[in-house]
Each structure stands twice: as structure tokens, then as C-alpha cells.
PDB file of all heavy atoms in Angstrom:
ATOM      1  N   GLY A   1       0.775  -1.234   0.000  1.00  0.00           N
ATOM      2  CA  GLY A   1       0.000   0.000   0.000  1.00  0.00           C
ATOM      3  C   GLY A   1       0.805   1.282   0.000  1.00  0.00           C
ATOM      4  O   GLY A   1       0.234   2.376  -0.052  1.00  0.00           O
ATOM      5  N   GLY A   2       2.117   1.175   0.073  1.00  0.00           N
ATOM      6  CA  GLY A   2       2.929   2.382   0.035  1.00  0.00           C
ATOM      7  C   GLY A   2       2.906   3.025  -1.341  1.00  0.00           C
ATOM      8  O   GLY A   2       2.380   2.470  -2.309  1.00  0.00           O
ATOM      9  N   GLY A   3       3.488   4.220  -1.411  1.00  0.00           N
ATOM     10  CA  GLY A   3       3.541   4.911  -2.698  1.00  0.00           C
ATOM     11  C   GLY A   3       3.884   6.368  -2.537  1.00  0.00           C
ATOM     12  O   GLY A   3       4.322   6.807  -1.465  1.00  0.00           O
ATOM     13  N   LEU A   4       3.678   7.096  -3.611  1.00  0.00           N
ATOM     14  CA  LEU A   4       3.947   8.538  -3.654  1.00  0.00           C
ATOM     15  C   LEU A   4       2.625   9.279  -3.579  1.00  0.00           C
ATOM     16  O   LEU A   4       1.693   8.974  -4.334  1.00  0.00           O
ATOM     17  CB  LEU A   4       4.684   8.881  -4.945  1.00  0.00           C
ATOM     18  CG  LEU A   4       4.915  10.373  -5.248  1.00  0.00           C
ATOM     19  CD1 LEU A   4       5.816  10.990  -4.197  1.00  0.00           C
ATOM     20  CD2 LEU A   4       5.501  10.533  -6.652  1.00  0.00           C
ATOM     21  N   VAL A   5       2.559  10.262  -2.684  1.00  0.00           N
ATOM     22  CA  VAL A   5       1.331  11.031  -2.509  1.00  0.00           C
ATOM     23  C   VAL A   5       1.702  12.477  -2.211  1.00  0.00           C
ATOM     24  O   VAL A   5       2.775  12.747  -1.657  1.00  0.00           O
ATOM     25  CB  VAL A   5       0.468  10.420  -1.377  1.00  0.00           C
ATOM     26  CG1 VAL A   5       1.178  10.511  -0.038  1.00  0.00           C
ATOM     27  CG2 VAL A   5      -0.907  11.047  -1.320  1.00  0.00           C
ATOM     28  N   GLN A   6       0.829  13.390  -2.591  1.00  0.00           N
ATOM     29  CA  GLN A   6       1.074  14.795  -2.290  1.00  0.00           C
ATOM     30  C   GLN A   6       0.699  15.102  -0.837  1.00  0.00           C
ATOM     31  O   GLN A   6      -0.139  14.418  -0.230  1.00  0.00           O
ATOM     32  CB  GLN A   6       0.241  15.679  -3.223  1.00  0.00           C
ATOM     33  CG  GLN A   6       0.751  15.704  -4.653  1.00  0.00           C
ATOM     34  CD  GLN A   6       0.043  16.746  -5.498  1.00  0.00           C
ATOM     35  OE1 GLN A   6      -1.115  17.072  -5.257  1.00  0.00           O
ATOM     36  NE2 GLN A   6       0.744  17.270  -6.499  1.00  0.00           N
ATOM     37  N   ALA A   7       1.320  16.129  -0.310  1.00  0.00           N
ATOM     38  CA  ALA A   7       1.002  16.567   1.047  1.00  0.00           C
ATOM     39  C   ALA A   7      -0.499  16.839   1.160  1.00  0.00           C
ATOM     40  O   ALA A   7      -1.100  17.411   0.259  1.00  0.00           O
ATOM     41  CB  ALA A   7       1.799  17.818   1.397  1.00  0.00           C
ATOM     42  N   GLY A   8      -1.071  16.389   2.273  1.00  0.00           N
ATOM     43  CA  GLY A   8      -2.506  16.508   2.478  1.00  0.00           C
ATOM     44  C   GLY A   8      -3.298  15.311   2.015  1.00  0.00           C
ATOM     45  O   GLY A   8      -4.490  15.192   2.317  1.00  0.00           O
ATOM     46  N   GLY A   9      -2.647  14.423   1.290  1.00  0.00           N
ATOM     47  CA  GLY A   9      -3.320  13.247   0.761  1.00  0.00           C
ATOM     48  C   GLY A   9      -3.384  12.113   1.774  1.00  0.00           C
ATOM     49  O   GLY A   9      -2.987  12.255   2.933  1.00  0.00           O
ATOM     50  N   SER A  10      -3.902  10.972   1.296  1.00  0.00           N
ATOM     51  CA  SER A  10      -4.099   9.806   2.158  1.00  0.00           C
ATOM     52  C   SER A  10      -3.541   8.543   1.508  1.00  0.00           C
ATOM     53  O   SER A  10      -3.485   8.434   0.278  1.00  0.00           O
ATOM     54  CB  SER A  10      -5.603   9.598   2.429  1.00  0.00           C
ATOM     55  OG  SER A  10      -6.157  10.691   3.118  1.00  0.00           O
ATOM     56  N   LEU A  11      -3.171   7.610   2.357  1.00  0.00           N
ATOM     57  CA  LEU A  11      -2.785   6.270   1.930  1.00  0.00           C
ATOM     58  C   LEU A  11      -3.264   5.302   2.995  1.00  0.00           C
ATOM     59  O   LEU A  11      -3.359   5.661   4.175  1.00  0.00           O
ATOM     60  CB  LEU A  11      -1.267   6.124   1.790  1.00  0.00           C
ATOM     61  CG  LEU A  11      -0.570   6.677   0.556  1.00  0.00           C
ATOM     62  CD1 LEU A  11       0.944   6.529   0.724  1.00  0.00           C
ATOM     63  CD2 LEU A  11      -1.030   5.970  -0.705  1.00  0.00           C
ATOM     64  N   ARG A  12      -3.517   4.062   2.583  1.00  0.00           N
ATOM     65  CA  ARG A  12      -3.809   3.017   3.554  1.00  0.00           C
ATOM     66  C   ARG A  12      -2.817   1.888   3.355  1.00  0.00           C
ATOM     67  O   ARG A  12      -2.761   1.283   2.267  1.00  0.00           O
ATOM     68  CB  ARG A  12      -5.229   2.479   3.427  1.00  0.00           C
ATOM     69  CG  ARG A  12      -5.565   1.522   4.565  1.00  0.00           C
ATOM     70  CD  ARG A  12      -7.005   1.031   4.546  1.00  0.00           C
ATOM     71  NE  ARG A  12      -7.215  -0.038   3.596  1.00  0.00           N
ATOM     72  CZ  ARG A  12      -8.208  -0.916   3.670  1.00  0.00           C
ATOM     73  NH1 ARG A  12      -9.088  -0.833   4.672  1.00  0.00           N
ATOM     74  NH2 ARG A  12      -8.350  -1.858   2.745  1.00  0.00           N
ATOM     75  N   LEU A  13      -2.059   1.611   4.382  1.00  0.00           N
ATOM     76  CA  LEU A  13      -1.134   0.495   4.365  1.00  0.00           C
ATOM     77  C   LEU A  13      -1.829  -0.749   4.910  1.00  0.00           C
ATOM     78  O   LEU A  13      -2.642  -0.655   5.833  1.00  0.00           O
ATOM     79  CB  LEU A  13       0.100   0.781   5.211  1.00  0.00           C
ATOM     80  CG  LEU A  13       0.888   2.049   4.863  1.00  0.00           C
ATOM     81  CD1 LEU A  13       2.132   2.137   5.747  1.00  0.00           C
ATOM     82  CD2 LEU A  13       1.261   2.084   3.400  1.00  0.00           C
ATOM     83  N   SER A  14      -1.482  -1.879   4.334  1.00  0.00           N
ATOM     84  CA  SER A  14      -1.990  -3.165   4.808  1.00  0.00           C
ATOM     85  C   SER A  14      -0.816  -4.053   5.187  1.00  0.00           C
ATOM     86  O   SER A  14       0.270  -3.938   4.618  1.00  0.00           O
ATOM     87  CB  SER A  14      -2.813  -3.863   3.718  1.00  0.00           C
ATOM     88  OG  SER A  14      -3.939  -3.086   3.343  1.00  0.00           O
ATOM     89  N   CYS A  15      -1.063  -4.944   6.123  1.00  0.00           N
ATOM     90  CA  CYS A  15      -0.031  -5.890   6.550  1.00  0.00           C
ATOM     91  C   CYS A  15      -0.702  -7.231   6.808  1.00  0.00           C
ATOM     92  O   CYS A  15      -1.565  -7.339   7.687  1.00  0.00           O
ATOM     93  CB  CYS A  15       0.658  -5.384   7.805  1.00  0.00           C
ATOM     94  SG  CYS A  15       1.752  -6.592   8.575  1.00  0.00           S
ATOM     95  N   ALA A  16      -0.306  -8.223   6.047  1.00  0.00           N
ATOM     96  CA  ALA A  16      -0.862  -9.557   6.196  1.00  0.00           C
ATOM     97  C   ALA A  16       0.162 -10.475   6.865  1.00  0.00           C
ATOM     98  O   ALA A  16       1.332 -10.465   6.484  1.00  0.00           O
ATOM     99  CB  ALA A  16      -1.253 -10.122   4.837  1.00  0.00           C
ATOM    100  N   ALA A  17      -0.281 -11.233   7.834  1.00  0.00           N
ATOM    101  CA  ALA A  17       0.592 -12.185   8.526  1.00  0.00           C
ATOM    102  C   ALA A  17       0.089 -13.596   8.275  1.00  0.00           C
ATOM    103  O   ALA A  17      -1.121 -13.849   8.313  1.00  0.00           O
ATOM    104  CB  ALA A  17       0.629 -11.896  10.015  1.00  0.00           C
ATOM    105  N   SER A  18       1.010 -14.510   8.015  1.00  0.00           N
ATOM    106  CA  SER A  18       0.656 -15.898   7.773  1.00  0.00           C
ATOM    107  C   SER A  18       1.633 -16.816   8.509  1.00  0.00           C
ATOM    108  O   SER A  18       2.705 -16.390   8.935  1.00  0.00           O
ATOM    109  CB  SER A  18       0.676 -16.205   6.278  1.00  0.00           C
ATOM    110  OG  SER A  18       1.962 -15.983   5.749  1.00  0.00           O
ATOM    111  N   GLY A  19       1.241 -18.074   8.656  1.00  0.00           N
ATOM    112  CA  GLY A  19       2.098 -19.040   9.328  1.00  0.00           C
ATOM    113  C   GLY A  19       1.942 -19.033  10.836  1.00  0.00           C
ATOM    114  O   GLY A  19       2.663 -19.756  11.540  1.00  0.00           O
ATOM    115  N   VAL A  20       1.003 -18.235  11.325  1.00  0.00           N
ATOM    116  CA  VAL A  20       0.751 -18.144  12.761  1.00  0.00           C
ATOM    117  C   VAL A  20      -0.699 -17.714  12.929  1.00  0.00           C
ATOM    118  O   VAL A  20      -1.271 -17.059  12.037  1.00  0.00           O
ATOM    119  CB  VAL A  20       1.710 -17.132  13.423  1.00  0.00           C
ATOM    120  CG1 VAL A  20       1.509 -15.738  12.874  1.00  0.00           C
ATOM    121  CG2 VAL A  20       1.569 -17.141  14.940  1.00  0.00           C
ATOM    122  N   THR A  21      -1.305 -18.087  14.051  1.00  0.00           N
ATOM    123  CA  THR A  21      -2.680 -17.667  14.306  1.00  0.00           C
ATOM    124  C   THR A  21      -2.720 -16.159  14.505  1.00  0.00           C
ATOM    125  O   THR A  21      -2.161 -15.632  15.473  1.00  0.00           O
ATOM    126  CB  THR A  21      -3.236 -18.373  15.546  1.00  0.00           C
ATOM    127  OG1 THR A  21      -3.173 -19.793  15.337  1.00  0.00           O
ATOM    128  CG2 THR A  21      -4.681 -17.970  15.791  1.00  0.00           C
ATOM    129  N   PHE A  22      -3.353 -15.463  13.570  1.00  0.00           N
ATOM    130  CA  PHE A  22      -3.291 -14.008  13.564  1.00  0.00           C
ATOM    131  C   PHE A  22      -3.854 -13.402  14.845  1.00  0.00           C
ATOM    132  O   PHE A  22      -3.327 -12.418  15.345  1.00  0.00           O
ATOM    133  CB  PHE A  22      -4.045 -13.469  12.349  1.00  0.00           C
ATOM    134  CG  PHE A  22      -3.894 -11.988  12.164  1.00  0.00           C
ATOM    135  CD1 PHE A  22      -2.708 -11.447  11.685  1.00  0.00           C
ATOM    136  CD2 PHE A  22      -4.939 -11.124  12.469  1.00  0.00           C
ATOM    137  CE1 PHE A  22      -2.557 -10.075  11.511  1.00  0.00           C
ATOM    138  CE2 PHE A  22      -4.804  -9.758  12.303  1.00  0.00           C
ATOM    139  CZ  PHE A  22      -3.606  -9.235  11.828  1.00  0.00           C
ATOM    140  N   SER A  23      -4.884 -14.024  15.375  1.00  0.00           N
ATOM    141  CA  SER A  23      -5.510 -13.471  16.573  1.00  0.00           C
ATOM    142  C   SER A  23      -4.639 -13.628  17.821  1.00  0.00           C
ATOM    143  O   SER A  23      -4.994 -13.118  18.882  1.00  0.00           O
ATOM    144  CB  SER A  23      -6.869 -14.126  16.804  1.00  0.00           C
ATOM    145  OG  SER A  23      -6.725 -15.526  16.954  1.00  0.00           O
ATOM    146  N   SER A  24      -3.498 -14.304  17.695  1.00  0.00           N
ATOM    147  CA  SER A  24      -2.558 -14.423  18.812  1.00  0.00           C
ATOM    148  C   SER A  24      -1.496 -13.332  18.770  1.00  0.00           C
ATOM    149  O   SER A  24      -0.601 -13.304  19.611  1.00  0.00           O
ATOM    150  CB  SER A  24      -1.871 -15.789  18.804  1.00  0.00           C
ATOM    151  OG  SER A  24      -0.955 -15.892  17.723  1.00  0.00           O
ATOM    152  N   LEU A  25      -1.594 -12.440  17.786  1.00  0.00           N
ATOM    153  CA  LEU A  25      -0.564 -11.439  17.548  1.00  0.00           C
ATOM    154  C   LEU A  25      -1.000 -10.041  17.966  1.00  0.00           C
ATOM    155  O   LEU A  25      -2.068  -9.577  17.566  1.00  0.00           O
ATOM    156  CB  LEU A  25      -0.201 -11.394  16.065  1.00  0.00           C
ATOM    157  CG  LEU A  25       0.328 -12.655  15.428  1.00  0.00           C
ATOM    158  CD1 LEU A  25       0.491 -12.452  13.925  1.00  0.00           C
ATOM    159  CD2 LEU A  25       1.646 -13.068  16.057  1.00  0.00           C
ATOM    160  N   ALA A  26      -0.151  -9.377  18.746  1.00  0.00           N
ATOM    161  CA  ALA A  26      -0.229  -7.931  18.849  1.00  0.00           C
ATOM    162  C   ALA A  26       0.563  -7.377  17.669  1.00  0.00           C
ATOM    163  O   ALA A  26       1.586  -7.948  17.280  1.00  0.00           O
ATOM    164  CB  ALA A  26       0.364  -7.456  20.170  1.00  0.00           C
ATOM    165  N   MET A  27       0.086  -6.290  17.096  1.00  0.00           N
ATOM    166  CA  MET A  27       0.693  -5.775  15.872  1.00  0.00           C
ATOM    167  C   MET A  27       1.122  -4.326  16.034  1.00  0.00           C
ATOM    168  O   MET A  27       0.538  -3.576  16.837  1.00  0.00           O
ATOM    169  CB  MET A  27      -0.302  -5.873  14.707  1.00  0.00           C
ATOM    170  CG  MET A  27      -0.825  -7.267  14.434  1.00  0.00           C
ATOM    171  SD  MET A  27       0.439  -8.413  13.864  1.00  0.00           S
ATOM    172  CE  MET A  27       0.839  -7.683  12.273  1.00  0.00           C
ATOM    173  N   GLY A  28       2.129  -3.952  15.267  1.00  0.00           N
ATOM    174  CA  GLY A  28       2.599  -2.581  15.322  1.00  0.00           C
ATOM    175  C   GLY A  28       3.084  -2.089  13.981  1.00  0.00           C
ATOM    176  O   GLY A  28       3.430  -2.885  13.103  1.00  0.00           O
ATOM    177  N   TRP A  29       3.072  -0.781  13.835  1.00  0.00           N
ATOM    178  CA  TRP A  29       3.653  -0.120  12.678  1.00  0.00           C
ATOM    179  C   TRP A  29       4.793   0.781  13.166  1.00  0.00           C
ATOM    180  O   TRP A  29       4.639   1.504  14.165  1.00  0.00           O
ATOM    181  CB  TRP A  29       2.620   0.733  11.946  1.00  0.00           C
ATOM    182  CG  TRP A  29       1.627  -0.030  11.133  1.00  0.00           C
ATOM    183  CD1 TRP A  29       0.358  -0.382  11.490  1.00  0.00           C
ATOM    184  CD2 TRP A  29       1.816  -0.536   9.807  1.00  0.00           C
ATOM    185  NE1 TRP A  29      -0.249  -1.072  10.477  1.00  0.00           N
ATOM    186  CE2 TRP A  29       0.632  -1.185   9.433  1.00  0.00           C
ATOM    187  CE3 TRP A  29       2.885  -0.510   8.899  1.00  0.00           C
ATOM    188  CZ2 TRP A  29       0.468  -1.791   8.184  1.00  0.00           C
ATOM    189  CZ3 TRP A  29       2.717  -1.125   7.671  1.00  0.00           C
ATOM    190  CH2 TRP A  29       1.529  -1.765   7.317  1.00  0.00           C
ATOM    191  N   PHE A  30       5.893   0.737  12.425  1.00  0.00           N
ATOM    192  CA  PHE A  30       7.051   1.573  12.695  1.00  0.00           C
ATOM    193  C   PHE A  30       7.486   2.200  11.377  1.00  0.00           C
ATOM    194  O   PHE A  30       7.067   1.763  10.306  1.00  0.00           O
ATOM    195  CB  PHE A  30       8.196   0.740  13.284  1.00  0.00           C
ATOM    196  CG  PHE A  30       7.880   0.159  14.630  1.00  0.00           C
ATOM    197  CD1 PHE A  30       7.100  -0.984  14.742  1.00  0.00           C
ATOM    198  CD2 PHE A  30       8.333   0.764  15.782  1.00  0.00           C
ATOM    199  CE1 PHE A  30       6.787  -1.518  15.983  1.00  0.00           C
ATOM    200  CE2 PHE A  30       8.032   0.237  17.030  1.00  0.00           C
ATOM    201  CZ  PHE A  30       7.256  -0.901  17.130  1.00  0.00           C
ATOM    202  N   ARG A  31       8.319   3.212  11.466  1.00  0.00           N
ATOM    203  CA  ARG A  31       8.848   3.820  10.249  1.00  0.00           C
ATOM    204  C   ARG A  31      10.299   4.243  10.466  1.00  0.00           C
ATOM    205  O   ARG A  31      10.730   4.488  11.590  1.00  0.00           O
ATOM    206  CB  ARG A  31       7.995   5.009   9.809  1.00  0.00           C
ATOM    207  CG  ARG A  31       8.022   6.201  10.758  1.00  0.00           C
ATOM    208  CD  ARG A  31       7.016   7.253  10.298  1.00  0.00           C
ATOM    209  NE  ARG A  31       7.044   8.440  11.152  1.00  0.00           N
ATOM    210  CZ  ARG A  31       6.190   9.449  11.040  1.00  0.00           C
ATOM    211  NH1 ARG A  31       5.226   9.431  10.097  1.00  0.00           N
ATOM    212  NH2 ARG A  31       6.293  10.503  11.846  1.00  0.00           N
ATOM    213  N   GLN A  32      11.004   4.310   9.344  1.00  0.00           N
ATOM    214  CA  GLN A  32      12.402   4.718   9.401  1.00  0.00           C
ATOM    215  C   GLN A  32      12.704   5.600   8.204  1.00  0.00           C
ATOM    216  O   GLN A  32      12.582   5.158   7.052  1.00  0.00           O
ATOM    217  CB  GLN A  32      13.333   3.510   9.429  1.00  0.00           C
ATOM    218  CG  GLN A  32      14.777   3.861   9.686  1.00  0.00           C
ATOM    219  CD  GLN A  32      15.601   2.642  10.052  1.00  0.00           C
ATOM    220  OE1 GLN A  32      15.204   1.503   9.825  1.00  0.00           O
ATOM    221  NE2 GLN A  32      16.760   2.875  10.642  1.00  0.00           N
ATOM    222  N   ALA A  33      13.088   6.828   8.498  1.00  0.00           N
ATOM    223  CA  ALA A  33      13.498   7.767   7.455  1.00  0.00           C
ATOM    224  C   ALA A  33      15.007   7.677   7.281  1.00  0.00           C
ATOM    225  O   ALA A  33      15.720   7.242   8.200  1.00  0.00           O
ATOM    226  CB  ALA A  33      13.084   9.183   7.839  1.00  0.00           C
ATOM    227  N   PRO A  34      15.531   8.090   6.126  1.00  0.00           N
ATOM    228  CA  PRO A  34      16.976   8.016   5.890  1.00  0.00           C
ATOM    229  C   PRO A  34      17.759   8.752   6.965  1.00  0.00           C
ATOM    230  O   PRO A  34      17.435   9.894   7.312  1.00  0.00           O
ATOM    231  CB  PRO A  34      17.138   8.686   4.526  1.00  0.00           C
ATOM    232  CG  PRO A  34      15.821   8.480   3.857  1.00  0.00           C
ATOM    233  CD  PRO A  34      14.800   8.567   4.947  1.00  0.00           C
ATOM    234  N   GLY A  35      18.762   8.078   7.522  1.00  0.00           N
ATOM    235  CA  GLY A  35      19.608   8.688   8.525  1.00  0.00           C
ATOM    236  C   GLY A  35      19.007   8.785   9.910  1.00  0.00           C
ATOM    237  O   GLY A  35      19.611   9.364  10.815  1.00  0.00           O
ATOM    238  N   LYS A  36      17.821   8.199  10.091  1.00  0.00           N
ATOM    239  CA  LYS A  36      17.152   8.264  11.390  1.00  0.00           C
ATOM    240  C   LYS A  36      16.904   6.861  11.921  1.00  0.00           C
ATOM    241  O   LYS A  36      16.909   5.884  11.185  1.00  0.00           O
ATOM    242  CB  LYS A  36      15.838   9.031  11.272  1.00  0.00           C
ATOM    243  CG  LYS A  36      16.012  10.498  10.927  1.00  0.00           C
ATOM    244  CD  LYS A  36      14.686  11.240  11.019  1.00  0.00           C
ATOM    245  CE  LYS A  36      14.867  12.719  10.749  1.00  0.00           C
ATOM    246  NZ  LYS A  36      13.577  13.455  10.859  1.00  0.00           N
ATOM    247  N   GLU A  37      16.663   6.798  13.218  1.00  0.00           N
ATOM    248  CA  GLU A  37      16.350   5.514  13.836  1.00  0.00           C
ATOM    249  C   GLU A  37      14.895   5.132  13.533  1.00  0.00           C
ATOM    250  O   GLU A  37      14.051   5.975  13.239  1.00  0.00           O
ATOM    251  CB  GLU A  37      16.561   5.596  15.347  1.00  0.00           C
ATOM    252  CG  GLU A  37      18.006   5.747  15.766  1.00  0.00           C
ATOM    253  CD  GLU A  37      18.191   5.646  17.265  1.00  0.00           C
ATOM    254  OE1 GLU A  37      17.178   5.578  17.987  1.00  0.00           O
ATOM    255  OE2 GLU A  37      19.340   5.638  17.707  1.00  0.00           O
ATOM    256  N   ARG A  38      14.643   3.833  13.654  1.00  0.00           N
ATOM    257  CA  ARG A  38      13.270   3.354  13.485  1.00  0.00           C
ATOM    258  C   ARG A  38      12.425   3.887  14.630  1.00  0.00           C
ATOM    259  O   ARG A  38      12.830   3.824  15.790  1.00  0.00           O
ATOM    260  CB  ARG A  38      13.261   1.829  13.469  1.00  0.00           C
ATOM    261  CG  ARG A  38      11.952   1.230  13.041  1.00  0.00           C
ATOM    262  CD  ARG A  38      12.098  -0.251  12.748  1.00  0.00           C
ATOM    263  NE  ARG A  38      13.017  -0.491  11.641  1.00  0.00           N
ATOM    264  CZ  ARG A  38      13.176  -1.685  11.060  1.00  0.00           C
ATOM    265  NH1 ARG A  38      12.481  -2.723  11.482  1.00  0.00           N
ATOM    266  NH2 ARG A  38      14.027  -1.830  10.069  1.00  0.00           N
ATOM    267  N   GLU A  39      11.253   4.406  14.309  1.00  0.00           N
ATOM    268  CA  GLU A  39      10.406   4.983  15.334  1.00  0.00           C
ATOM    269  C   GLU A  39       9.011   4.369  15.329  1.00  0.00           C
ATOM    270  O   GLU A  39       8.500   3.951  14.291  1.00  0.00           O
ATOM    271  CB  GLU A  39      10.292   6.506  15.158  1.00  0.00           C
ATOM    272  CG  GLU A  39       9.586   6.969  13.918  1.00  0.00           C
ATOM    273  CD  GLU A  39       9.323   8.462  13.907  1.00  0.00           C
ATOM    274  OE1 GLU A  39       9.570   9.149  14.920  1.00  0.00           O
ATOM    275  OE2 GLU A  39       8.844   8.960  12.868  1.00  0.00           O
ATOM    276  N   PHE A  40       8.436   4.358  16.492  1.00  0.00           N
ATOM    277  CA  PHE A  40       7.092   3.837  16.685  1.00  0.00           C
ATOM    278  C   PHE A  40       6.063   4.733  16.011  1.00  0.00           C
ATOM    279  O   PHE A  40       6.154   5.954  16.096  1.00  0.00           O
ATOM    280  CB  PHE A  40       6.809   3.746  18.183  1.00  0.00           C
ATOM    281  CG  PHE A  40       5.377   3.460  18.531  1.00  0.00           C
ATOM    282  CD1 PHE A  40       4.831   2.208  18.320  1.00  0.00           C
ATOM    283  CD2 PHE A  40       4.572   4.448  19.078  1.00  0.00           C
ATOM    284  CE1 PHE A  40       3.517   1.940  18.650  1.00  0.00           C
ATOM    285  CE2 PHE A  40       3.251   4.203  19.424  1.00  0.00           C
ATOM    286  CZ  PHE A  40       2.723   2.940  19.201  1.00  0.00           C
ATOM    287  N   VAL A  41       5.088   4.108  15.360  1.00  0.00           N
ATOM    288  CA  VAL A  41       3.985   4.841  14.747  1.00  0.00           C
ATOM    289  C   VAL A  41       2.667   4.495  15.436  1.00  0.00           C
ATOM    290  O   VAL A  41       1.950   5.375  15.900  1.00  0.00           O
ATOM    291  CB  VAL A  41       3.885   4.544  13.244  1.00  0.00           C
ATOM    292  CG1 VAL A  41       2.663   5.229  12.636  1.00  0.00           C
ATOM    293  CG2 VAL A  41       5.159   4.979  12.521  1.00  0.00           C
ATOM    294  N   ALA A  42       2.348   3.207  15.508  1.00  0.00           N
ATOM    295  CA  ALA A  42       1.070   2.802  16.094  1.00  0.00           C
ATOM    296  C   ALA A  42       1.125   1.331  16.481  1.00  0.00           C
ATOM    297  O   ALA A  42       1.904   0.565  15.914  1.00  0.00           O
ATOM    298  CB  ALA A  42      -0.079   3.040  15.122  1.00  0.00           C
ATOM    299  N   ALA A  43       0.273   0.954  17.441  1.00  0.00           N
ATOM    300  CA  ALA A  43       0.206  -0.438  17.875  1.00  0.00           C
ATOM    301  C   ALA A  43      -1.237  -0.791  18.211  1.00  0.00           C
ATOM    302  O   ALA A  43      -2.037   0.089  18.553  1.00  0.00           O
ATOM    303  CB  ALA A  43       1.098  -0.668  19.092  1.00  0.00           C
TER     304      ALA A  43
END
């Protein structure tokens, strides 16, 4: 779901997990910009 968008726009990212019971998983989103550490976005 990533891509290029103009400021003010919207995107929806999706994340599919397999090989494990999905309902047993807590999930999180993180991001990393060039030259920066990985940072928490949402959980």
C-alpha cells in the first residue's frame, strides 16, 4: 500500500501475517526515514 502522494493526501497500508494464528498477535507499525532511527507509529 505504500507509494507517492502529495502533502494533504491519504494512503492506507496493509499488513498480512501468515504461518501463525493471527488473533494471537499484537501488531505494530514503525517507520524509518533516511539517517534516522526506526520509530514507533502505532500499535
